[in-house]
């Protein structure tokens, strides 16, 4: 190990490492208790000029209580270093510790290096310089990382496999950004270009198949222009790009274009994950009948049995139309009950979906006179079709039969599906 850590000639190191001005040794204390540390540059009967870390400062004599003059810490260092023998290992270690305590970082490193040159196995010097012991050998931090089989990538030490993954991820991000810019240009051409430019850009957009383009394309599913949304959903469906659960559900349930809804549904069948399943199940409770029907149709196409309980509950919905400001009394279960006015009073003409199911309305009173209410039960036939497609059973719209089957057979049904996969 002797010779691994080499020193520059002493004079060169001193010039390189110990350069810089004096550090303060004089202390001026003012009558109000404040203190200024620095080096006194000039004095007169009227004022004292002291050089501080912030620059020269002129202080009136009448404000000064005391002046303590002493050697600067630089002078103390020079005195200590001058009294030290060059081959004194313990002396260099002690002076290095003193320098470190005074904030003389470069000087401390210099004396630890000198101690190490004299004693290459000195543990204190090695540790102070950040060296590490690997298999009995003292190594610099970089050498230690390499000895452990690590490689440096973008300021981090990683194992080779992690480094390769990081490089691949970095390359993927660069390519993804390139695709984002390219698609941005195509979008501008489609929206603002000449007819010929629009046709070329549209054809190029539809031809995108690079998996790295998936995230930028998915991002365009929520573009403000319907033409771009339609192109994006077409590419996502055709290529099976993942990551678009939420915007695809929005398109499948809410788009006014049948073809966009169809392609979004097909894309969800190919790529939909748990987020899509959760959003579709939530949509089964929508106040809009058309949204409930579309959500059931998509769930039936996906075929995930986890949606079965929610589909069963969405088969029938009791709705009330009419107007009243008073409380509504209806049959909930086996008895007539007063329905709380804060959630079940219809205050304006329209439709209210009740849960739990209201079997019938007994009476309605509003402002001292009877209100007018009409109760209907709606059947979500898309939910029935979805249940039959997922389970292979045929209970039709008999909600009670579906509920009874699920209570008795639901767990074994799910276990059977898991074991067959």
Protein backbone atom coordinates (compact mmCIF):
# COMPACT_ATOMS: atom_id res chain seq x y z
CA UNK A 1 0.00 0.00 0.00
CA UNK A 2 2.93 2.38 0.50
CA UNK A 3 2.93 4.74 -2.45
CA UNK A 4 -0.81 4.55 -3.26
CA UNK A 5 -1.48 8.00 -1.79
CA UNK A 6 1.23 10.30 -3.16
CA UNK A 7 2.00 13.88 -2.18
CA UNK A 8 2.92 16.87 -4.25
CA UNK A 9 6.14 18.57 -3.26
CA UNK A 10 5.65 20.44 -0.02
CA UNK A 11 6.03 23.87 -1.48
CA UNK A 12 3.47 23.17 -4.21
CA UNK A 13 0.93 21.81 -1.74
CA UNK A 14 1.38 24.75 0.58
CA UNK A 15 0.87 27.15 -2.29
CA UNK A 16 -2.16 25.24 -3.61
CA UNK A 17 -3.89 24.35 -0.38
CA UNK A 18 -2.99 27.04 2.11
CA UNK A 19 -3.54 30.09 -0.03
CA UNK A 20 -5.92 32.80 1.17
CA UNK A 21 -5.87 35.80 3.46
CA UNK A 22 -5.35 36.07 7.18
CA UNK A 23 -8.11 34.96 9.50
CA UNK A 24 -9.18 37.29 12.24
CA UNK A 25 -7.24 37.81 15.50
CA UNK A 26 -8.38 41.27 16.74
CA UNK A 27 -11.60 41.80 18.69
CA UNK A 28 -13.27 45.21 19.10
CA UNK A 29 -15.97 45.30 21.80
CA UNK A 30 -18.41 48.21 21.74
CA UNK A 31 -19.94 49.89 24.74
CA UNK A 32 -23.35 48.49 23.82
CA UNK A 33 -21.97 44.92 24.00
CA UNK A 34 -21.59 44.24 20.31
CA UNK A 35 -18.32 42.68 19.10
CA UNK A 36 -16.46 42.88 15.80
CA UNK A 37 -13.77 40.31 14.96
CA UNK A 38 -11.24 40.96 12.25
CA UNK A 39 -7.89 42.59 11.57
CA UNK A 40 -7.32 46.24 12.50
CA UNK A 41 -6.10 48.04 9.39
CA UNK A 42 -5.75 51.59 10.71
CA UNK A 43 -6.33 53.70 13.84
CA UNK A 44 -6.66 57.37 14.69
CA UNK A 45 -7.91 59.42 17.62
CA UNK A 46 -11.33 59.56 15.97
CA UNK A 47 -11.88 56.01 14.64
CA UNK A 48 -10.63 52.46 14.19
CA UNK A 49 -10.92 50.65 10.84
CA UNK A 50 -11.24 46.89 11.18
CA UNK A 51 -11.41 44.47 8.25
CA UNK A 52 -14.17 41.93 8.86
CA UNK A 53 -15.64 39.14 6.80
CA UNK A 54 -18.07 41.69 5.36
CA UNK A 55 -15.35 44.19 4.45
CA UNK A 56 -13.70 47.20 6.15
CA UNK A 57 -15.70 48.78 8.97
CA UNK A 58 -14.99 52.22 10.48
CA UNK A 59 -15.91 52.47 14.19
CA UNK A 60 -15.94 55.70 16.20
CA UNK A 61 -13.49 55.73 19.11
CA UNK A 62 -16.22 57.02 21.40
CA UNK A 63 -18.25 53.82 20.81
CA UNK A 64 -15.41 51.41 21.65
CA UNK A 65 -15.12 49.82 25.08
CA UNK A 66 -12.05 47.59 24.54
CA UNK A 67 -9.72 46.33 21.83
CA UNK A 68 -8.16 42.89 22.24
CA UNK A 69 -5.26 42.34 19.92
CA UNK A 70 -3.95 38.89 19.18
CA UNK A 71 -2.41 36.77 16.51
CA UNK A 72 -4.77 35.73 13.74
CA UNK A 73 -5.72 32.09 13.49
CA UNK A 74 -3.65 32.04 10.30
CA UNK A 75 -0.67 33.25 12.29
CA UNK A 76 -1.35 30.62 14.95
CA UNK A 77 -1.45 27.98 12.24
CA UNK A 78 1.82 29.14 10.70
CA UNK A 79 3.44 29.08 14.13
CA UNK A 80 2.20 25.54 14.84
CA UNK A 81 3.24 24.31 11.40
CA UNK A 82 6.67 25.90 11.69
CA UNK A 83 7.32 24.06 14.97
CA UNK A 84 6.31 20.69 13.51
CA UNK A 85 8.86 18.19 12.24
CA UNK A 86 8.01 16.98 8.73
CA UNK A 87 8.24 13.30 9.72
CA UNK A 88 6.11 13.62 12.90
CA UNK A 89 3.02 11.51 12.14
CA UNK A 90 1.26 12.27 15.43
CA UNK A 91 2.12 15.96 15.07
CA UNK A 92 0.53 16.15 11.62
CA UNK A 93 -2.56 14.31 12.89
CA UNK A 94 -2.86 16.69 15.83
CA UNK A 95 -2.44 19.77 13.64
CA UNK A 96 -4.98 18.34 11.18
CA UNK A 97 -7.49 17.98 14.02
CA UNK A 98 -6.81 21.57 15.12
CA UNK A 99 -7.27 22.84 11.56
CA UNK A 100 -10.54 20.98 11.23
CA UNK A 101 -11.78 22.54 14.48
CA UNK A 102 -10.85 26.02 13.19
CA UNK A 103 -12.66 25.44 9.89
CA UNK A 104 -9.40 25.15 7.91
CA UNK A 105 -10.69 22.33 5.68
CA UNK A 106 -7.96 22.39 3.05
CA UNK A 107 -5.20 22.62 5.64
CA UNK A 108 -6.66 19.72 7.61
CA UNK A 109 -6.74 17.57 4.47
CA UNK A 110 -3.15 18.54 3.70
CA UNK A 111 -1.87 17.37 7.09
CA UNK A 112 -3.92 14.16 6.98
CA UNK A 113 -2.32 13.49 3.59
CA UNK A 114 1.13 14.14 5.07
CA UNK A 115 0.40 11.74 7.94
CA UNK A 116 -0.76 9.13 5.43
CA UNK A 117 2.36 9.53 3.34
CA UNK A 118 4.42 8.78 6.45
CA UNK A 119 2.12 5.98 7.68
CA UNK A 120 0.13 4.48 4.74
CA UNK A 121 -2.00 2.28 7.06
CA UNK A 122 -3.02 5.02 9.48
CA UNK A 123 -6.72 4.43 10.05
CA UNK A 124 -7.50 7.92 11.40
CA UNK A 125 -6.05 9.64 8.35
CA UNK A 126 -7.79 7.25 5.97
CA UNK A 127 -11.16 7.77 7.65
CA UNK A 128 -10.71 11.56 7.80
CA UNK A 129 -10.04 11.57 4.04
CA UNK A 130 -13.15 9.49 3.34
CA UNK A 131 -11.33 6.29 2.47
CA UNK A 132 -12.97 2.91 3.03
CA UNK A 133 -11.55 -0.48 3.93
CA UNK A 134 -12.51 -3.27 1.52
CA UNK A 135 -11.09 -6.78 1.99
CA UNK A 136 -8.40 -5.39 4.27
CA UNK A 137 -7.32 -2.68 1.81
CA UNK A 138 -7.78 1.06 2.23
CA UNK A 139 -9.34 2.55 -0.91
CA UNK A 140 -10.72 5.88 -1.97
CA UNK A 141 -14.51 6.06 -2.08
CA UNK A 142 -14.49 5.66 -5.87
CA UNK A 143 -12.11 2.69 -5.70
CA UNK A 144 -14.25 1.10 -2.96
CA UNK A 145 -17.42 1.42 -5.04
CA UNK A 146 -15.72 -0.17 -8.04
CA UNK A 147 -14.29 -2.94 -5.85
CA UNK A 148 -17.85 -3.73 -4.77
CA UNK A 149 -18.83 -4.16 -8.39
CA UNK A 150 -20.76 -0.89 -8.68
CA UNK A 151 -20.70 1.52 -11.59
CA UNK A 152 -21.30 5.26 -11.58
CA UNK A 153 -24.28 6.57 -13.52
CA UNK A 154 -25.49 10.18 -13.38
CA UNK A 155 -23.91 10.79 -9.98
CA UNK A 156 -25.14 7.54 -8.40
CA UNK A 157 -23.38 4.26 -7.71
CA UNK A 158 -25.50 1.38 -9.00
CA UNK A 159 -25.07 -2.31 -9.62
CA UNK A 160 -24.60 -3.02 -13.35
CA UNK A 161 -28.15 -4.29 -13.82
CA UNK A 162 -29.61 -1.18 -12.15
CA UNK A 163 -27.33 1.02 -14.24
CA UNK A 164 -28.53 -0.65 -17.43
CA UNK A 165 -32.15 -0.18 -16.37
CA UNK A 166 -31.46 3.46 -15.54
CA UNK A 167 -29.81 3.98 -18.92
CA UNK A 168 -32.76 2.32 -20.65
CA UNK A 169 -35.21 4.46 -18.68
CA UNK A 170 -33.26 7.58 -19.54
CA UNK A 171 -33.28 6.63 -23.21
CA UNK A 172 -37.01 5.86 -23.02
CA UNK A 173 -37.69 9.31 -21.55
CA UNK A 174 -35.69 10.96 -24.32
CA UNK A 175 -37.52 9.00 -27.01
CA UNK A 176 -40.86 9.70 -25.35
CA UNK A 177 -40.11 13.41 -25.34
CA UNK A 178 -39.16 13.17 -29.01
CA UNK A 179 -42.50 11.50 -29.75
CA UNK A 180 -44.33 14.17 -27.76
CA UNK A 181 -42.78 16.87 -29.95
CA UNK A 182 -43.46 14.92 -33.13
CA UNK A 183 -47.11 14.31 -32.22
CA UNK A 184 -47.45 17.97 -31.28
CA UNK A 185 -46.39 18.89 -34.80
CA UNK A 186 -48.90 16.45 -36.29
CA UNK A 187 -51.69 17.86 -34.14
CA UNK A 188 -50.89 21.41 -35.28
CA UNK A 189 -50.91 20.28 -38.91
CA UNK A 190 -54.26 18.52 -38.47
CA UNK A 191 -55.87 21.52 -36.80
CA UNK A 192 -54.31 24.38 -38.77
CA UNK A 193 -52.69 22.97 -41.91
CA UNK A 194 -53.84 22.90 -45.51
CA UNK A 195 -56.06 20.00 -46.62
CA UNK A 196 -53.00 18.18 -47.99
CA UNK A 197 -51.06 18.76 -44.77
CA UNK A 198 -54.01 17.54 -42.72
CA UNK A 199 -54.25 14.36 -44.76
CA UNK A 200 -50.53 13.62 -44.45
CA UNK A 201 -50.50 14.34 -40.71
CA UNK A 202 -53.59 12.20 -40.14
CA UNK A 203 -52.08 9.27 -42.01
CA UNK A 204 -48.82 9.61 -40.10
CA UNK A 205 -50.69 9.80 -36.77
CA UNK A 206 -52.67 6.64 -37.55
CA UNK A 207 -49.47 4.82 -38.50
CA UNK A 208 -47.87 5.33 -35.06
CA UNK A 209 -46.98 1.96 -33.55
CA UNK A 210 -43.83 2.54 -31.50
CA UNK A 211 -44.58 1.45 -27.88
CA UNK A 212 -42.55 4.42 -26.63
CA UNK A 213 -45.21 6.68 -28.14
CA UNK A 214 -47.90 5.15 -25.91
CA UNK A 215 -47.81 7.78 -23.15
CA UNK A 216 -47.90 10.82 -25.50
CA UNK A 217 -50.71 9.25 -27.55
CA UNK A 218 -52.71 8.38 -24.42
CA UNK A 219 -52.32 11.97 -23.28
CA UNK A 220 -54.14 13.11 -26.42
CA UNK A 221 -57.26 11.14 -25.42
CA UNK A 222 -58.20 14.24 -23.42
CA UNK A 223 -57.38 16.78 -26.12
CA UNK A 224 -59.89 19.60 -26.40
CA UNK A 225 -60.51 18.92 -30.09
CA UNK A 226 -62.75 15.91 -30.87
CA UNK A 227 -60.80 15.14 -34.04
CA UNK A 228 -57.62 14.57 -32.06
CA UNK A 229 -59.44 12.52 -29.43
CA UNK A 230 -60.87 10.29 -32.14
CA UNK A 231 -57.45 9.75 -33.74
CA UNK A 232 -55.89 9.03 -30.35
CA UNK A 233 -58.51 6.45 -29.34
CA UNK A 234 -58.17 4.79 -32.75
CA UNK A 235 -54.40 4.37 -32.29
CA UNK A 236 -54.73 3.29 -28.65
CA UNK A 237 -57.27 0.63 -29.59
CA UNK A 238 -55.33 -0.58 -32.63
CA UNK A 239 -51.95 -0.78 -30.87
CA UNK A 240 -53.16 -1.81 -27.41
CA UNK A 241 -51.39 1.12 -25.73
CA UNK A 242 -51.83 1.01 -21.96
CA UNK A 243 -52.17 3.76 -19.37
CA UNK A 244 -55.38 5.39 -20.54
CA UNK A 245 -57.93 3.89 -18.14
CA UNK A 246 -59.56 7.13 -16.99
CA UNK A 247 -59.81 8.97 -20.34
CA UNK A 248 -60.96 5.77 -22.09
CA UNK A 249 -63.75 5.30 -19.55
CA UNK A 250 -64.81 8.91 -20.08
CA UNK A 251 -64.93 8.38 -23.84
CA UNK A 252 -66.69 5.01 -23.60
CA UNK A 253 -69.40 6.45 -21.37
CA UNK A 254 -69.70 10.05 -22.45
CA UNK A 255 -68.61 10.58 -26.04
CA UNK A 256 -71.35 11.72 -28.42
CA UNK A 257 -69.69 9.83 -31.27
CA UNK A 258 -70.77 6.14 -31.44
CA UNK A 259 -67.55 5.12 -33.21
CA UNK A 260 -65.42 6.77 -30.51
CA UNK A 261 -67.41 5.00 -27.81
CA UNK A 262 -67.01 1.68 -29.63
CA UNK A 263 -63.25 2.04 -30.00
CA UNK A 264 -62.86 3.19 -26.40
CA UNK A 265 -64.77 0.10 -25.27
CA UNK A 266 -62.55 -2.16 -27.38
CA UNK A 267 -59.45 -0.42 -26.02
CA UNK A 268 -60.64 -1.00 -22.47
CA UNK A 269 -61.16 -4.70 -23.21
CA UNK A 270 -57.55 -4.88 -24.45
CA UNK A 271 -55.79 -2.65 -21.97
CA UNK A 272 -58.10 -1.76 -19.09
CA UNK A 273 -56.73 -2.23 -15.60
CA UNK A 274 -58.06 -1.98 -12.06
CA UNK A 275 -58.55 1.78 -12.36
CA UNK A 276 -60.89 1.30 -15.31
CA UNK A 277 -62.81 -1.43 -13.49
CA UNK A 278 -63.29 0.82 -10.45
CA UNK A 279 -64.51 3.75 -12.56
CA UNK A 280 -66.94 1.59 -14.51
CA UNK A 281 -68.38 0.06 -11.35
CA UNK A 282 -68.83 3.56 -9.90
CA UNK A 283 -70.64 4.57 -13.10
CA UNK A 284 -73.27 1.87 -12.47
CA UNK A 285 -74.61 4.19 -9.76
CA UNK A 286 -74.83 7.23 -12.04
CA UNK A 287 -78.04 9.26 -12.04
CA UNK A 288 -78.02 9.06 -15.83
CA UNK A 289 -79.70 5.97 -17.22
CA UNK A 290 -77.63 6.03 -20.40
CA UNK A 291 -74.37 6.10 -18.41
CA UNK A 292 -75.47 3.14 -16.30
CA UNK A 293 -76.33 1.17 -19.44
CA UNK A 294 -73.03 1.99 -21.17
CA UNK A 295 -71.00 1.13 -18.07
CA UNK A 296 -72.74 -2.25 -17.83
CA UNK A 297 -72.08 -2.95 -21.52
CA UNK A 298 -68.36 -2.22 -21.15
CA UNK A 299 -68.11 -4.36 -18.01
CA UNK A 300 -69.80 -7.20 -19.86
CA UNK A 301 -67.27 -6.89 -22.68
CA UNK A 302 -64.35 -6.85 -20.23
CA UNK A 303 -65.76 -9.88 -18.41
CA UNK A 304 -64.16 -9.29 -15.01
CA UNK A 305 -66.19 -11.25 -12.39
CA UNK A 306 -65.37 -8.68 -9.71
CA UNK A 307 -68.07 -6.49 -11.29
CA UNK A 308 -70.84 -9.07 -10.73
CA UNK A 309 -72.18 -7.76 -7.35
CA UNK A 310 -72.42 -4.18 -8.65
CA UNK A 311 -74.06 -5.36 -11.89
CA UNK A 312 -76.66 -7.27 -9.90
CA UNK A 313 -77.55 -4.17 -7.88
CA UNK A 314 -77.81 -2.09 -11.04
CA UNK A 315 -80.44 -4.32 -12.71
CA UNK A 316 -83.34 -2.29 -11.34
CA UNK A 317 -83.58 1.36 -10.35
CA UNK A 318 -86.64 3.01 -8.83
CA UNK A 319 -87.06 6.57 -10.04
CA UNK A 320 -89.47 9.29 -9.03
CA UNK A 321 -90.67 12.13 -11.21
CA UNK A 322 -92.78 15.00 -10.03
CA UNK A 323 -92.77 17.96 -7.69
CA UNK A 324 -93.28 18.33 -3.95
CA UNK A 325 -91.75 20.30 -1.11
CA UNK A 326 -92.95 17.98 1.61
CA UNK A 327 -91.64 14.68 2.91
CA UNK A 328 -92.19 11.48 0.97
CA UNK A 329 -93.44 8.33 2.70
CA UNK A 330 -92.63 5.08 0.90
CA UNK A 331 -92.20 1.38 1.43
CA UNK A 332 -88.58 0.55 2.25
CA UNK A 333 -88.31 -3.20 2.74
CA UNK A 334 -91.38 -4.55 4.50
CA UNK A 335 -92.90 -1.41 6.03
CA UNK A 336 -93.90 2.12 5.21
CA UNK A 337 -91.27 4.62 6.37
CA UNK A 338 -90.87 8.37 6.31
CA UNK A 339 -88.03 9.10 3.93
CA UNK A 340 -85.64 11.78 5.26
CA UNK A 341 -86.40 15.04 3.51
CA UNK A 342 -82.75 16.05 3.09
CA UNK A 343 -82.01 13.22 0.66
CA UNK A 344 -85.31 12.04 -0.72
CA UNK A 345 -87.54 15.09 -1.16
CA UNK A 346 -88.06 16.12 -4.77
CA UNK A 347 -87.94 19.91 -4.77
CA UNK A 348 -88.28 20.44 -8.52
CA UNK A 349 -89.50 18.47 -11.52
CA UNK A 350 -86.95 15.88 -12.54
CA UNK A 351 -85.68 12.39 -11.74
CA UNK A 352 -84.25 11.11 -8.48
CA UNK A 353 -82.64 7.68 -8.14
CA UNK A 354 -83.38 6.14 -4.74
CA UNK A 355 -81.15 3.72 -2.86
CA UNK A 356 -82.17 1.55 -1.12
CA UNK A 357 -84.87 0.67 -3.58
CA UNK A 358 -88.29 2.26 -2.88
CA UNK A 359 -90.94 -0.35 -3.59
CA UNK A 360 -93.83 2.07 -3.65
CA UNK A 361 -94.79 5.60 -2.66
CA UNK A 362 -97.52 5.71 0.03
CA UNK A 363 -98.04 9.46 0.19
CA UNK A 364 -96.45 12.81 -0.50
CA UNK A 365 -97.35 16.10 1.12
CA UNK A 366 -96.07 19.47 0.05
CA UNK A 367 -96.88 22.95 1.41
CA UNK A 368 -100.10 21.77 2.99
CA UNK A 369 -101.41 20.14 -0.18
CA UNK A 370 -100.62 16.79 -1.83
CA UNK A 371 -97.77 16.80 -4.28
CA UNK A 372 -97.70 14.93 -7.56
CA UNK A 373 -95.20 12.08 -7.86
CA UNK A 374 -94.84 9.28 -10.39
CA UNK A 375 -92.83 6.19 -9.47
CA UNK A 376 -91.23 3.99 -12.14
CA UNK A 377 -88.89 1.01 -12.03
CA UNK A 378 -86.25 0.97 -14.77
CA UNK A 379 -84.49 -2.20 -15.87
CA UNK A 380 -80.86 -2.00 -16.99
CA UNK A 381 -80.94 -4.71 -19.64
CA UNK A 382 -77.26 -4.08 -20.43
CA UNK A 383 -76.49 -5.18 -16.86
CA UNK A 384 -78.54 -8.36 -17.41
CA UNK A 385 -76.63 -9.09 -20.62
CA UNK A 386 -73.32 -8.43 -18.88
CA UNK A 387 -74.18 -10.80 -16.02
CA UNK A 388 -75.18 -13.54 -18.42
CA UNK A 389 -71.96 -13.07 -20.43
CA UNK A 390 -69.74 -13.18 -17.34
CA UNK A 391 -71.48 -16.01 -15.44
CA UNK A 392 -73.09 -18.12 -18.17
CA UNK A 393 -76.34 -18.06 -16.15
CA UNK A 394 -79.77 -16.87 -17.28
CA UNK A 395 -81.87 -15.31 -14.54
CA UNK A 396 -83.03 -12.49 -16.81
CA UNK A 397 -84.03 -9.34 -14.94
CA UNK A 398 -84.97 -11.24 -11.79
CA UNK A 399 -82.78 -9.27 -9.42
CA UNK A 400 -83.74 -11.33 -6.39
CA UNK A 401 -82.68 -14.55 -8.15
CA UNK A 402 -79.31 -13.04 -9.02
CA UNK A 403 -78.84 -11.86 -5.44
CA UNK A 404 -79.71 -15.28 -4.04
CA UNK A 405 -77.30 -17.01 -6.43
CA UNK A 406 -74.47 -14.62 -5.54
CA UNK A 407 -75.02 -15.11 -1.80
CA UNK A 408 -74.88 -18.89 -2.19
CA UNK A 409 -72.42 -19.35 -5.05
CA UNK A 410 -70.45 -16.14 -5.41
CA UNK A 411 -67.33 -17.20 -3.52
CA UNK A 412 -67.10 -20.61 -5.16
CA UNK A 413 -67.70 -18.97 -8.54
CA UNK A 414 -64.75 -16.64 -8.03
CA UNK A 415 -62.55 -19.45 -6.69
CA UNK A 416 -63.38 -21.57 -9.71
CA UNK A 417 -62.39 -18.80 -12.08
CA UNK A 418 -59.09 -18.20 -10.26
CA UNK A 419 -58.19 -21.90 -10.22
CA UNK A 420 -58.90 -22.27 -13.93
CA UNK A 421 -56.50 -19.49 -14.90
